[in-house]
Amino acid sequence: MGVSGSGKSCVGALLARRLGVAFIDGDDYHSPTSVAKMAGGIPLDDEDRREWLEALANLIGDHRRRDASLVVACSALKQRYRELLRQGDPELVFLFLQGERAQLRERLAAREAHFFRGDAMLDSQLRDLEVPDDHEAVTCSIGDVPDTIVDTFLEVLPRCRG
């Protein structure tokens, strides 16, 4: 979890590969309307995100019912969003990719062919972000390389599960 540009897709795909489980990029589940809004520089609101989060929670729940693990890349900016996702799996573990605005902005500027664009969009996500505490998520710095982030997460993951 984290704001756009934090490396969720890259780290998530690597983590899934290392765990040998499925990977879902939450961006692929945004409605066409939401994608168009973001492409136009219009931030999403809670209502825009609700259906998207419910769809992801359903996917998470489907995997749990099949006793299949998966990794989902999703911003999960607010605590209530994370709670909604946990409706799919109460034992869901979050990895929060934390970074400074300047580093995030630089990463976003380097992106090609992605619908999320502009400083206003990043600033909106940073305003909406409710930073999780240590009981809610494992926090890693985006200053670390993806392999190091995944190593750190895998080291603490067994302690995060009930």
N, C-alpha and C. Protein backbone atom coordinates (compact mmCIF):
# COMPACT_ATOMS: atom_id res chain seq x y z
N MET A 1 0.84 -1.17 0.00
CA MET A 1 0.00 0.00 0.00
C MET A 1 0.88 1.23 0.00
N GLY A 2 0.32 2.33 -0.47
CA GLY A 2 1.05 3.58 -0.52
C GLY A 2 0.51 4.44 -1.65
N VAL A 3 0.99 5.65 -1.70
CA VAL A 3 0.53 6.57 -2.74
C VAL A 3 1.13 6.17 -4.09
N SER A 4 0.62 6.78 -5.13
CA SER A 4 1.12 6.51 -6.47
C SER A 4 2.61 6.88 -6.55
N GLY A 5 3.37 6.03 -7.21
CA GLY A 5 4.80 6.27 -7.35
C GLY A 5 5.63 5.62 -6.27
N SER A 6 4.99 4.96 -5.31
CA SER A 6 5.74 4.36 -4.20
C SER A 6 6.35 3.00 -4.57
N GLY A 7 5.93 2.44 -5.69
CA GLY A 7 6.51 1.17 -6.13
C GLY A 7 5.66 -0.04 -5.81
N LYS A 8 4.37 0.17 -5.57
CA LYS A 8 3.49 -0.93 -5.19
C LYS A 8 3.48 -2.06 -6.20
N SER A 9 3.37 -1.73 -7.47
CA SER A 9 3.29 -2.76 -8.51
C SER A 9 4.60 -3.53 -8.63
N CYS A 10 5.70 -2.82 -8.62
CA CYS A 10 7.02 -3.45 -8.73
C CYS A 10 7.30 -4.35 -7.53
N VAL A 11 7.13 -3.81 -6.33
CA VAL A 11 7.39 -4.58 -5.11
C VAL A 11 6.38 -5.71 -4.98
N GLY A 12 5.12 -5.43 -5.29
CA GLY A 12 4.09 -6.47 -5.19
C GLY A 12 4.35 -7.64 -6.11
N ALA A 13 4.70 -7.36 -7.35
CA ALA A 13 4.99 -8.43 -8.31
C ALA A 13 6.20 -9.25 -7.86
N LEU A 14 7.22 -8.58 -7.36
CA LEU A 14 8.41 -9.28 -6.86
C LEU A 14 8.06 -10.14 -5.65
N LEU A 15 7.29 -9.59 -4.72
CA LEU A 15 6.88 -10.33 -3.53
C LEU A 15 6.07 -11.57 -3.93
N ALA A 16 5.12 -11.41 -4.83
CA ALA A 16 4.31 -12.54 -5.28
C ALA A 16 5.18 -13.62 -5.91
N ARG A 17 6.13 -13.20 -6.72
CA ARG A 17 7.04 -14.15 -7.38
C ARG A 17 7.85 -14.91 -6.33
N ARG A 18 8.35 -14.19 -5.33
CA ARG A 18 9.15 -14.83 -4.28
C ARG A 18 8.31 -15.80 -3.44
N LEU A 19 7.03 -15.46 -3.23
CA LEU A 19 6.14 -16.32 -2.45
C LEU A 19 5.52 -17.43 -3.28
N GLY A 20 5.59 -17.28 -4.61
CA GLY A 20 4.96 -18.27 -5.49
C GLY A 20 3.44 -18.20 -5.46
N VAL A 21 2.92 -16.97 -5.38
CA VAL A 21 1.47 -16.76 -5.32
C VAL A 21 1.03 -15.80 -6.42
N ALA A 22 -0.28 -15.66 -6.56
CA ALA A 22 -0.85 -14.75 -7.56
C ALA A 22 -0.58 -13.30 -7.19
N PHE A 23 -0.51 -12.45 -8.22
CA PHE A 23 -0.37 -11.00 -8.03
C PHE A 23 -1.50 -10.30 -8.74
N ILE A 24 -2.12 -9.35 -8.05
CA ILE A 24 -3.17 -8.53 -8.63
C ILE A 24 -2.76 -7.07 -8.48
N ASP A 25 -2.74 -6.35 -9.59
CA ASP A 25 -2.48 -4.91 -9.54
C ASP A 25 -3.83 -4.21 -9.44
N GLY A 26 -4.06 -3.58 -8.31
CA GLY A 26 -5.34 -2.92 -8.07
C GLY A 26 -5.71 -1.91 -9.14
N ASP A 27 -4.72 -1.29 -9.76
CA ASP A 27 -5.00 -0.31 -10.82
C ASP A 27 -5.82 -0.93 -11.95
N ASP A 28 -5.67 -2.22 -12.16
CA ASP A 28 -6.40 -2.90 -13.24
C ASP A 28 -7.89 -3.02 -12.96
N TYR A 29 -8.30 -2.72 -11.74
CA TYR A 29 -9.70 -2.90 -11.34
C TYR A 29 -10.45 -1.58 -11.19
N HIS A 30 -9.81 -0.46 -11.50
CA HIS A 30 -10.51 0.82 -11.49
C HIS A 30 -11.52 0.83 -12.63
N SER A 31 -12.65 1.47 -12.40
CA SER A 31 -13.66 1.60 -13.46
C SER A 31 -13.13 2.52 -14.55
N PRO A 32 -13.66 2.40 -15.77
CA PRO A 32 -13.26 3.32 -16.84
C PRO A 32 -13.51 4.79 -16.45
N THR A 33 -14.56 5.04 -15.71
CA THR A 33 -14.86 6.41 -15.27
C THR A 33 -13.77 6.93 -14.35
N SER A 34 -13.33 6.10 -13.41
CA SER A 34 -12.27 6.51 -12.49
C SER A 34 -10.95 6.73 -13.21
N VAL A 35 -10.64 5.84 -14.15
CA VAL A 35 -9.41 6.00 -14.93
C VAL A 35 -9.45 7.31 -15.71
N ALA A 36 -10.59 7.62 -16.30
CA ALA A 36 -10.72 8.87 -17.06
C ALA A 36 -10.57 10.08 -16.15
N LYS A 37 -11.13 10.01 -14.95
CA LYS A 37 -10.97 11.12 -14.01
C LYS A 37 -9.50 11.34 -13.68
N MET A 38 -8.81 10.26 -13.33
CA MET A 38 -7.40 10.38 -12.96
C MET A 38 -6.56 10.85 -14.14
N ALA A 39 -6.85 10.34 -15.32
CA ALA A 39 -6.11 10.76 -16.52
C ALA A 39 -6.32 12.24 -16.79
N GLY A 40 -7.47 12.76 -16.37
CA GLY A 40 -7.76 14.18 -16.53
C GLY A 40 -7.28 15.03 -15.37
N GLY A 41 -6.54 14.40 -14.45
CA GLY A 41 -5.99 15.14 -13.31
C GLY A 41 -6.98 15.39 -12.19
N ILE A 42 -8.10 14.67 -12.20
CA ILE A 42 -9.12 14.84 -11.17
C ILE A 42 -8.96 13.73 -10.14
N PRO A 43 -8.68 14.08 -8.89
CA PRO A 43 -8.51 13.06 -7.85
C PRO A 43 -9.81 12.30 -7.59
N LEU A 44 -9.66 11.04 -7.21
CA LEU A 44 -10.82 10.24 -6.85
C LEU A 44 -11.28 10.60 -5.44
N ASP A 45 -12.58 10.45 -5.21
CA ASP A 45 -13.11 10.67 -3.86
C ASP A 45 -13.50 9.31 -3.27
N ASP A 46 -14.01 9.33 -2.04
CA ASP A 46 -14.35 8.08 -1.37
C ASP A 46 -15.36 7.25 -2.16
N GLU A 47 -16.32 7.91 -2.76
CA GLU A 47 -17.34 7.18 -3.53
C GLU A 47 -16.72 6.52 -4.76
N ASP A 48 -15.81 7.21 -5.43
CA ASP A 48 -15.12 6.61 -6.58
C ASP A 48 -14.36 5.36 -6.16
N ARG A 49 -13.78 5.41 -4.99
CA ARG A 49 -12.93 4.30 -4.54
C ARG A 49 -13.73 3.14 -3.95
N ARG A 50 -14.96 3.40 -3.49
CA ARG A 50 -15.74 2.38 -2.79
C ARG A 50 -15.93 1.11 -3.62
N GLU A 51 -16.46 1.24 -4.83
CA GLU A 51 -16.70 0.05 -5.67
C GLU A 51 -15.40 -0.67 -5.99
N TRP A 52 -14.36 0.10 -6.23
CA TRP A 52 -13.04 -0.47 -6.52
C TRP A 52 -12.54 -1.29 -5.34
N LEU A 53 -12.63 -0.73 -4.14
CA LEU A 53 -12.17 -1.43 -2.95
C LEU A 53 -13.02 -2.67 -2.67
N GLU A 54 -14.33 -2.56 -2.90
CA GLU A 54 -15.21 -3.71 -2.71
C GLU A 54 -14.84 -4.83 -3.68
N ALA A 55 -14.53 -4.49 -4.92
CA ALA A 55 -14.12 -5.50 -5.89
C ALA A 55 -12.83 -6.18 -5.45
N LEU A 56 -11.88 -5.40 -4.95
CA LEU A 56 -10.62 -5.99 -4.46
C LEU A 56 -10.86 -6.86 -3.23
N ALA A 57 -11.72 -6.40 -2.32
CA ALA A 57 -12.05 -7.20 -1.13
C ALA A 57 -12.68 -8.53 -1.54
N ASN A 58 -13.53 -8.50 -2.56
CA ASN A 58 -14.15 -9.74 -3.05
C ASN A 58 -13.10 -10.68 -3.63
N LEU A 59 -12.15 -10.14 -4.38
CA LEU A 59 -11.07 -10.98 -4.92
C LEU A 59 -10.24 -11.60 -3.79
N ILE A 60 -9.94 -10.78 -2.80
CA ILE A 60 -9.18 -11.27 -1.64
C ILE A 60 -9.97 -12.38 -0.94
N GLY A 61 -11.27 -12.15 -0.75
CA GLY A 61 -12.12 -13.15 -0.11
C GLY A 61 -12.22 -14.44 -0.91
N ASP A 62 -12.31 -14.32 -2.23
CA ASP A 62 -12.35 -15.51 -3.09
C ASP A 62 -11.09 -16.35 -2.90
N HIS A 63 -9.95 -15.70 -2.86
CA HIS A 63 -8.68 -16.43 -2.66
C HIS A 63 -8.64 -17.06 -1.27
N ARG A 64 -9.10 -16.34 -0.26
CA ARG A 64 -9.09 -16.89 1.10
C ARG A 64 -9.97 -18.14 1.18
N ARG A 65 -11.15 -18.09 0.58
CA ARG A 65 -12.06 -19.25 0.61
C ARG A 65 -11.45 -20.46 -0.08
N ARG A 66 -10.58 -20.22 -1.04
CA ARG A 66 -9.89 -21.32 -1.74
C ARG A 66 -8.57 -21.67 -1.05
N ASP A 67 -8.32 -21.01 0.09
CA ASP A 67 -7.07 -21.20 0.83
C ASP A 67 -5.86 -20.93 -0.05
N ALA A 68 -6.00 -19.89 -0.88
CA ALA A 68 -4.92 -19.49 -1.79
C ALA A 68 -4.46 -18.08 -1.42
N SER A 69 -3.18 -17.93 -1.25
CA SER A 69 -2.62 -16.61 -0.93
C SER A 69 -2.46 -15.79 -2.20
N LEU A 70 -2.39 -14.49 -2.04
CA LEU A 70 -2.12 -13.59 -3.16
C LEU A 70 -1.55 -12.30 -2.63
N VAL A 71 -0.97 -11.53 -3.54
CA VAL A 71 -0.44 -10.20 -3.24
C VAL A 71 -1.24 -9.21 -4.09
N VAL A 72 -1.72 -8.15 -3.44
CA VAL A 72 -2.51 -7.12 -4.12
C VAL A 72 -1.80 -5.78 -3.97
N ALA A 73 -1.53 -5.12 -5.07
CA ALA A 73 -1.00 -3.75 -5.04
C ALA A 73 -2.19 -2.80 -5.03
N CYS A 74 -2.29 -2.01 -3.98
CA CYS A 74 -3.45 -1.13 -3.80
C CYS A 74 -3.04 0.03 -2.91
N SER A 75 -3.51 1.22 -3.22
CA SER A 75 -3.11 2.39 -2.43
C SER A 75 -3.58 2.29 -0.99
N ALA A 76 -4.82 1.84 -0.74
CA ALA A 76 -5.36 1.67 0.62
C ALA A 76 -5.00 2.86 1.51
N LEU A 77 -5.29 4.05 1.03
CA LEU A 77 -4.82 5.28 1.67
C LEU A 77 -5.37 5.53 3.06
N LYS A 78 -6.61 5.15 3.29
CA LYS A 78 -7.25 5.46 4.57
C LYS A 78 -7.50 4.20 5.37
N GLN A 79 -7.57 4.38 6.69
CA GLN A 79 -7.80 3.22 7.56
C GLN A 79 -9.10 2.52 7.19
N ARG A 80 -10.15 3.27 6.89
CA ARG A 80 -11.42 2.62 6.55
C ARG A 80 -11.32 1.84 5.24
N TYR A 81 -10.45 2.26 4.34
CA TYR A 81 -10.23 1.48 3.11
C TYR A 81 -9.57 0.14 3.46
N ARG A 82 -8.60 0.20 4.37
CA ARG A 82 -7.92 -1.03 4.78
C ARG A 82 -8.89 -1.96 5.52
N GLU A 83 -9.77 -1.38 6.32
CA GLU A 83 -10.79 -2.18 7.01
C GLU A 83 -11.72 -2.85 6.00
N LEU A 84 -12.09 -2.12 4.96
CA LEU A 84 -12.95 -2.70 3.92
C LEU A 84 -12.23 -3.87 3.23
N LEU A 85 -10.96 -3.70 2.93
CA LEU A 85 -10.19 -4.78 2.30
C LEU A 85 -10.09 -5.98 3.24
N ARG A 86 -9.99 -5.74 4.53
CA ARG A 86 -9.90 -6.84 5.51
C ARG A 86 -11.22 -7.61 5.62
N GLN A 87 -12.30 -7.07 5.09
CA GLN A 87 -13.54 -7.85 5.06
C GLN A 87 -13.36 -9.08 4.18
N GLY A 88 -12.47 -8.99 3.21
CA GLY A 88 -12.16 -10.14 2.37
C GLY A 88 -11.30 -11.16 3.09
N ASP A 89 -10.45 -10.69 3.99
CA ASP A 89 -9.56 -11.57 4.76
C ASP A 89 -9.12 -10.82 6.01
N PRO A 90 -9.67 -11.19 7.18
CA PRO A 90 -9.31 -10.49 8.42
C PRO A 90 -7.82 -10.57 8.76
N GLU A 91 -7.11 -11.54 8.19
CA GLU A 91 -5.68 -11.69 8.48
C GLU A 91 -4.79 -11.02 7.43
N LEU A 92 -5.38 -10.18 6.60
CA LEU A 92 -4.64 -9.46 5.57
C LEU A 92 -3.49 -8.67 6.19
N VAL A 93 -2.32 -8.77 5.59
CA VAL A 93 -1.13 -8.06 6.08
C VAL A 93 -0.78 -6.98 5.06
N PHE A 94 -0.59 -5.76 5.55
CA PHE A 94 -0.26 -4.63 4.68
C PHE A 94 1.22 -4.31 4.75
N LEU A 95 1.79 -4.00 3.60
CA LEU A 95 3.15 -3.47 3.49
C LEU A 95 3.01 -2.04 3.00
N PHE A 96 3.38 -1.09 3.86
CA PHE A 96 3.27 0.33 3.53
C PHE A 96 4.60 0.81 2.97
N LEU A 97 4.57 1.28 1.73
CA LEU A 97 5.75 1.81 1.06
C LEU A 97 5.74 3.33 1.25
N GLN A 98 6.62 3.78 2.11
CA GLN A 98 6.64 5.19 2.52
C GLN A 98 7.77 5.94 1.83
N GLY A 99 7.43 7.13 1.32
CA GLY A 99 8.44 7.95 0.66
C GLY A 99 8.13 9.42 0.79
N GLU A 100 9.12 10.23 0.51
CA GLU A 100 8.97 11.68 0.54
C GLU A 100 8.38 12.17 -0.78
N ARG A 101 7.68 13.29 -0.71
CA ARG A 101 7.00 13.85 -1.88
C ARG A 101 7.96 14.03 -3.06
N ALA A 102 9.15 14.56 -2.82
CA ALA A 102 10.09 14.82 -3.91
C ALA A 102 10.47 13.53 -4.64
N GLN A 103 10.70 12.49 -3.89
CA GLN A 103 11.06 11.21 -4.51
C GLN A 103 9.87 10.62 -5.28
N LEU A 104 8.69 10.72 -4.71
CA LEU A 104 7.49 10.23 -5.38
C LEU A 104 7.24 11.01 -6.67
N ARG A 105 7.38 12.32 -6.60
CA ARG A 105 7.17 13.19 -7.77
C ARG A 105 8.15 12.82 -8.89
N GLU A 106 9.40 12.58 -8.52
CA GLU A 106 10.41 12.20 -9.51
C GLU A 106 10.04 10.88 -10.18
N ARG A 107 9.58 9.93 -9.40
CA ARG A 107 9.18 8.64 -9.96
C ARG A 107 7.99 8.78 -10.90
N LEU A 108 7.02 9.58 -10.49
CA LEU A 108 5.84 9.78 -11.33
C LEU A 108 6.19 10.47 -12.64
N ALA A 109 7.12 11.41 -12.59
CA ALA A 109 7.53 12.12 -13.80
C ALA A 109 8.21 11.18 -14.80
N ALA A 110 8.84 10.13 -14.29
CA ALA A 110 9.55 9.19 -15.15
C ALA A 110 8.63 8.13 -15.76
N ARG A 111 7.40 8.06 -15.28
CA ARG A 111 6.46 7.05 -15.78
C ARG A 111 6.02 7.35 -17.20
N GLU A 112 5.82 6.28 -17.93
CA GLU A 112 5.25 6.41 -19.28
C GLU A 112 3.97 5.60 -19.33
N ALA A 113 3.00 6.09 -20.07
CA ALA A 113 1.75 5.37 -20.34
C ALA A 113 1.03 4.93 -19.06
N HIS A 114 0.89 5.82 -18.11
CA HIS A 114 0.11 5.53 -16.91
C HIS A 114 -0.90 6.64 -16.73
N PHE A 115 -2.10 6.28 -16.30
CA PHE A 115 -3.17 7.27 -16.21
C PHE A 115 -3.00 8.26 -15.06
N PHE A 116 -2.20 7.94 -14.07
CA PHE A 116 -2.03 8.83 -12.92
C PHE A 116 -0.98 9.88 -13.26
N ARG A 117 -1.39 11.13 -13.32
CA ARG A 117 -0.48 12.20 -13.74
C ARG A 117 -0.68 13.45 -12.88
N GLY A 118 0.39 14.17 -12.66
CA GLY A 118 0.29 15.51 -12.12
C GLY A 118 0.50 15.64 -10.63
N ASP A 119 1.06 16.79 -10.26
CA ASP A 119 1.32 17.10 -8.86
C ASP A 119 0.05 17.17 -8.04
N ALA A 120 -1.03 17.69 -8.63
CA ALA A 120 -2.28 17.82 -7.88
C ALA A 120 -2.79 16.45 -7.45
N MET A 121 -2.62 15.46 -8.31
CA MET A 121 -3.06 14.10 -7.98
C MET A 121 -2.22 13.54 -6.84
N LEU A 122 -0.91 13.71 -6.92
CA LEU A 122 -0.03 13.23 -5.85
C LEU A 122 -0.36 13.94 -4.55
N ASP A 123 -0.51 15.25 -4.60
CA ASP A 123 -0.82 16.02 -3.39
C ASP A 123 -2.14 15.57 -2.78
N SER A 124 -3.11 15.24 -3.61
CA SER A 124 -4.40 14.75 -3.12
C SER A 124 -4.22 13.43 -2.37
N GLN A 125 -3.43 12.53 -2.93
CA GLN A 125 -3.20 11.25 -2.25
C GLN A 125 -2.42 11.45 -0.95
N LEU A 126 -1.45 12.33 -0.96
CA LEU A 126 -0.68 12.59 0.27
C LEU A 126 -1.58 13.19 1.35
N ARG A 127 -2.53 14.04 0.95
CA ARG A 127 -3.48 14.60 1.93
C ARG A 127 -4.40 13.51 2.48
N ASP A 128 -4.84 12.62 1.60
CA ASP A 128 -5.76 11.55 2.01
C ASP A 128 -5.08 10.46 2.83
N LEU A 129 -3.79 10.31 2.67
CA LEU A 129 -3.07 9.21 3.31
C LEU A 129 -3.18 9.27 4.83
N GLU A 130 -3.67 8.19 5.41
CA GLU A 130 -3.65 8.00 6.85
C GLU A 130 -2.57 6.96 7.11
N VAL A 131 -1.43 7.43 7.58
CA VAL A 131 -0.27 6.57 7.76
C VAL A 131 -0.60 5.49 8.79
N PRO A 132 -0.44 4.23 8.41
CA PRO A 132 -0.74 3.15 9.35
C PRO A 132 0.31 3.06 10.45
N ASP A 133 -0.12 2.61 11.62
CA ASP A 133 0.86 2.41 12.69
C ASP A 133 1.49 1.02 12.54
N ASP A 134 2.42 0.71 13.43
CA ASP A 134 3.15 -0.55 13.32
C ASP A 134 2.27 -1.78 13.53
N HIS A 135 1.10 -1.60 14.16
CA HIS A 135 0.19 -2.73 14.35
C HIS A 135 -0.66 -2.99 13.12
N GLU A 136 -0.75 -1.98 12.25
CA GLU A 136 -1.61 -2.10 11.08
C GLU A 136 -0.85 -2.50 9.82
N ALA A 137 0.44 -2.19 9.76
CA ALA A 137 1.20 -2.46 8.54
C ALA A 137 2.69 -2.55 8.86
N VAL A 138 3.40 -3.24 7.99
CA VAL A 138 4.86 -3.24 8.00
C VAL A 138 5.26 -2.06 7.11
N THR A 139 6.10 -1.17 7.61
CA THR A 139 6.50 0.01 6.86
C THR A 139 7.93 -0.15 6.34
N CYS A 140 8.10 0.12 5.05
CA CYS A 140 9.42 0.10 4.43
C CYS A 140 9.61 1.39 3.64
N SER A 141 10.84 1.85 3.58
CA SER A 141 11.17 3.06 2.83
C SER A 141 11.34 2.74 1.35
N ILE A 142 10.79 3.63 0.51
CA ILE A 142 10.98 3.44 -0.93
C ILE A 142 12.40 3.80 -1.35
N GLY A 143 13.20 4.28 -0.41
CA GLY A 143 14.60 4.54 -0.70
C GLY A 143 15.40 3.25 -0.83
N ASP A 144 14.85 2.15 -0.29
CA ASP A 144 15.50 0.85 -0.43
C ASP A 144 15.14 0.25 -1.79
N VAL A 145 16.00 -0.62 -2.28
CA VAL A 145 15.71 -1.30 -3.54
C VAL A 145 14.61 -2.34 -3.31
N PRO A 146 13.82 -2.67 -4.34
CA PRO A 146 12.72 -3.62 -4.16
C PRO A 146 13.12 -4.94 -3.50
N ASP A 147 14.27 -5.50 -3.87
CA ASP A 147 14.69 -6.76 -3.25
C ASP A 147 14.86 -6.62 -1.74
N THR A 148 15.41 -5.51 -1.29
CA THR A 148 15.59 -5.27 0.14
C THR A 148 14.25 -5.11 0.83
N ILE A 149 13.33 -4.40 0.20
CA ILE A 149 11.98 -4.22 0.76
C ILE A 149 11.31 -5.58 0.93
N VAL A 150 11.38 -6.41 -0.10
CA VAL A 150 10.76 -7.73 -0.03
C VAL A 150 11.44 -8.59 1.03
N ASP A 151 12.76 -8.56 1.11
CA ASP A 151 13.48 -9.32 2.14
C ASP A 151 13.02 -8.90 3.53
N THR A 152 12.92 -7.60 3.76
CA THR A 152 12.50 -7.08 5.06
C THR A 152 11.09 -7.55 5.39
N PHE A 153 10.19 -7.44 4.43
CA PHE A 153 8.80 -7.85 4.65
C PHE A 153 8.72 -9.35 4.94
N LEU A 154 9.42 -10.16 4.16
CA LEU A 154 9.37 -11.61 4.37
C LEU A 154 9.94 -12.01 5.72
N GLU A 155 10.89 -11.23 6.20
CA GLU A 155 11.48 -11.51 7.51
C GLU A 155 10.46 -11.32 8.64
N VAL A 156 9.62 -10.31 8.53
CA VAL A 156 8.65 -10.03 9.60
C VAL A 156 7.28 -10.65 9.35
N LEU A 157 7.00 -11.10 8.15
CA LEU A 157 5.68 -11.63 7.81
C LEU A 157 5.19 -12.73 8.77
N PRO A 158 6.02 -13.70 9.14
CA PRO A 158 5.51 -14.74 10.04
C PRO A 158 4.99 -14.19 11.38
N ARG A 159 5.54 -13.09 11.84
CA ARG A 159 5.09 -12.49 13.11
C ARG A 159 3.80 -11.70 12.94
N CYS A 160 3.44 -11.39 11.70
CA CYS A 160 2.24 -10.60 11.42
C CYS A 160 0.99 -11.46 11.33
N ARG A 161 1.16 -12.72 11.15
CA ARG A 161 0.02 -13.62 10.96
C ARG A 161 -0.40 -14.20 12.30
N GLY A 162 -1.73 -14.34 12.44
CA GLY A 162 -2.30 -14.82 13.71
C GLY A 162 -2.18 -16.25 13.94
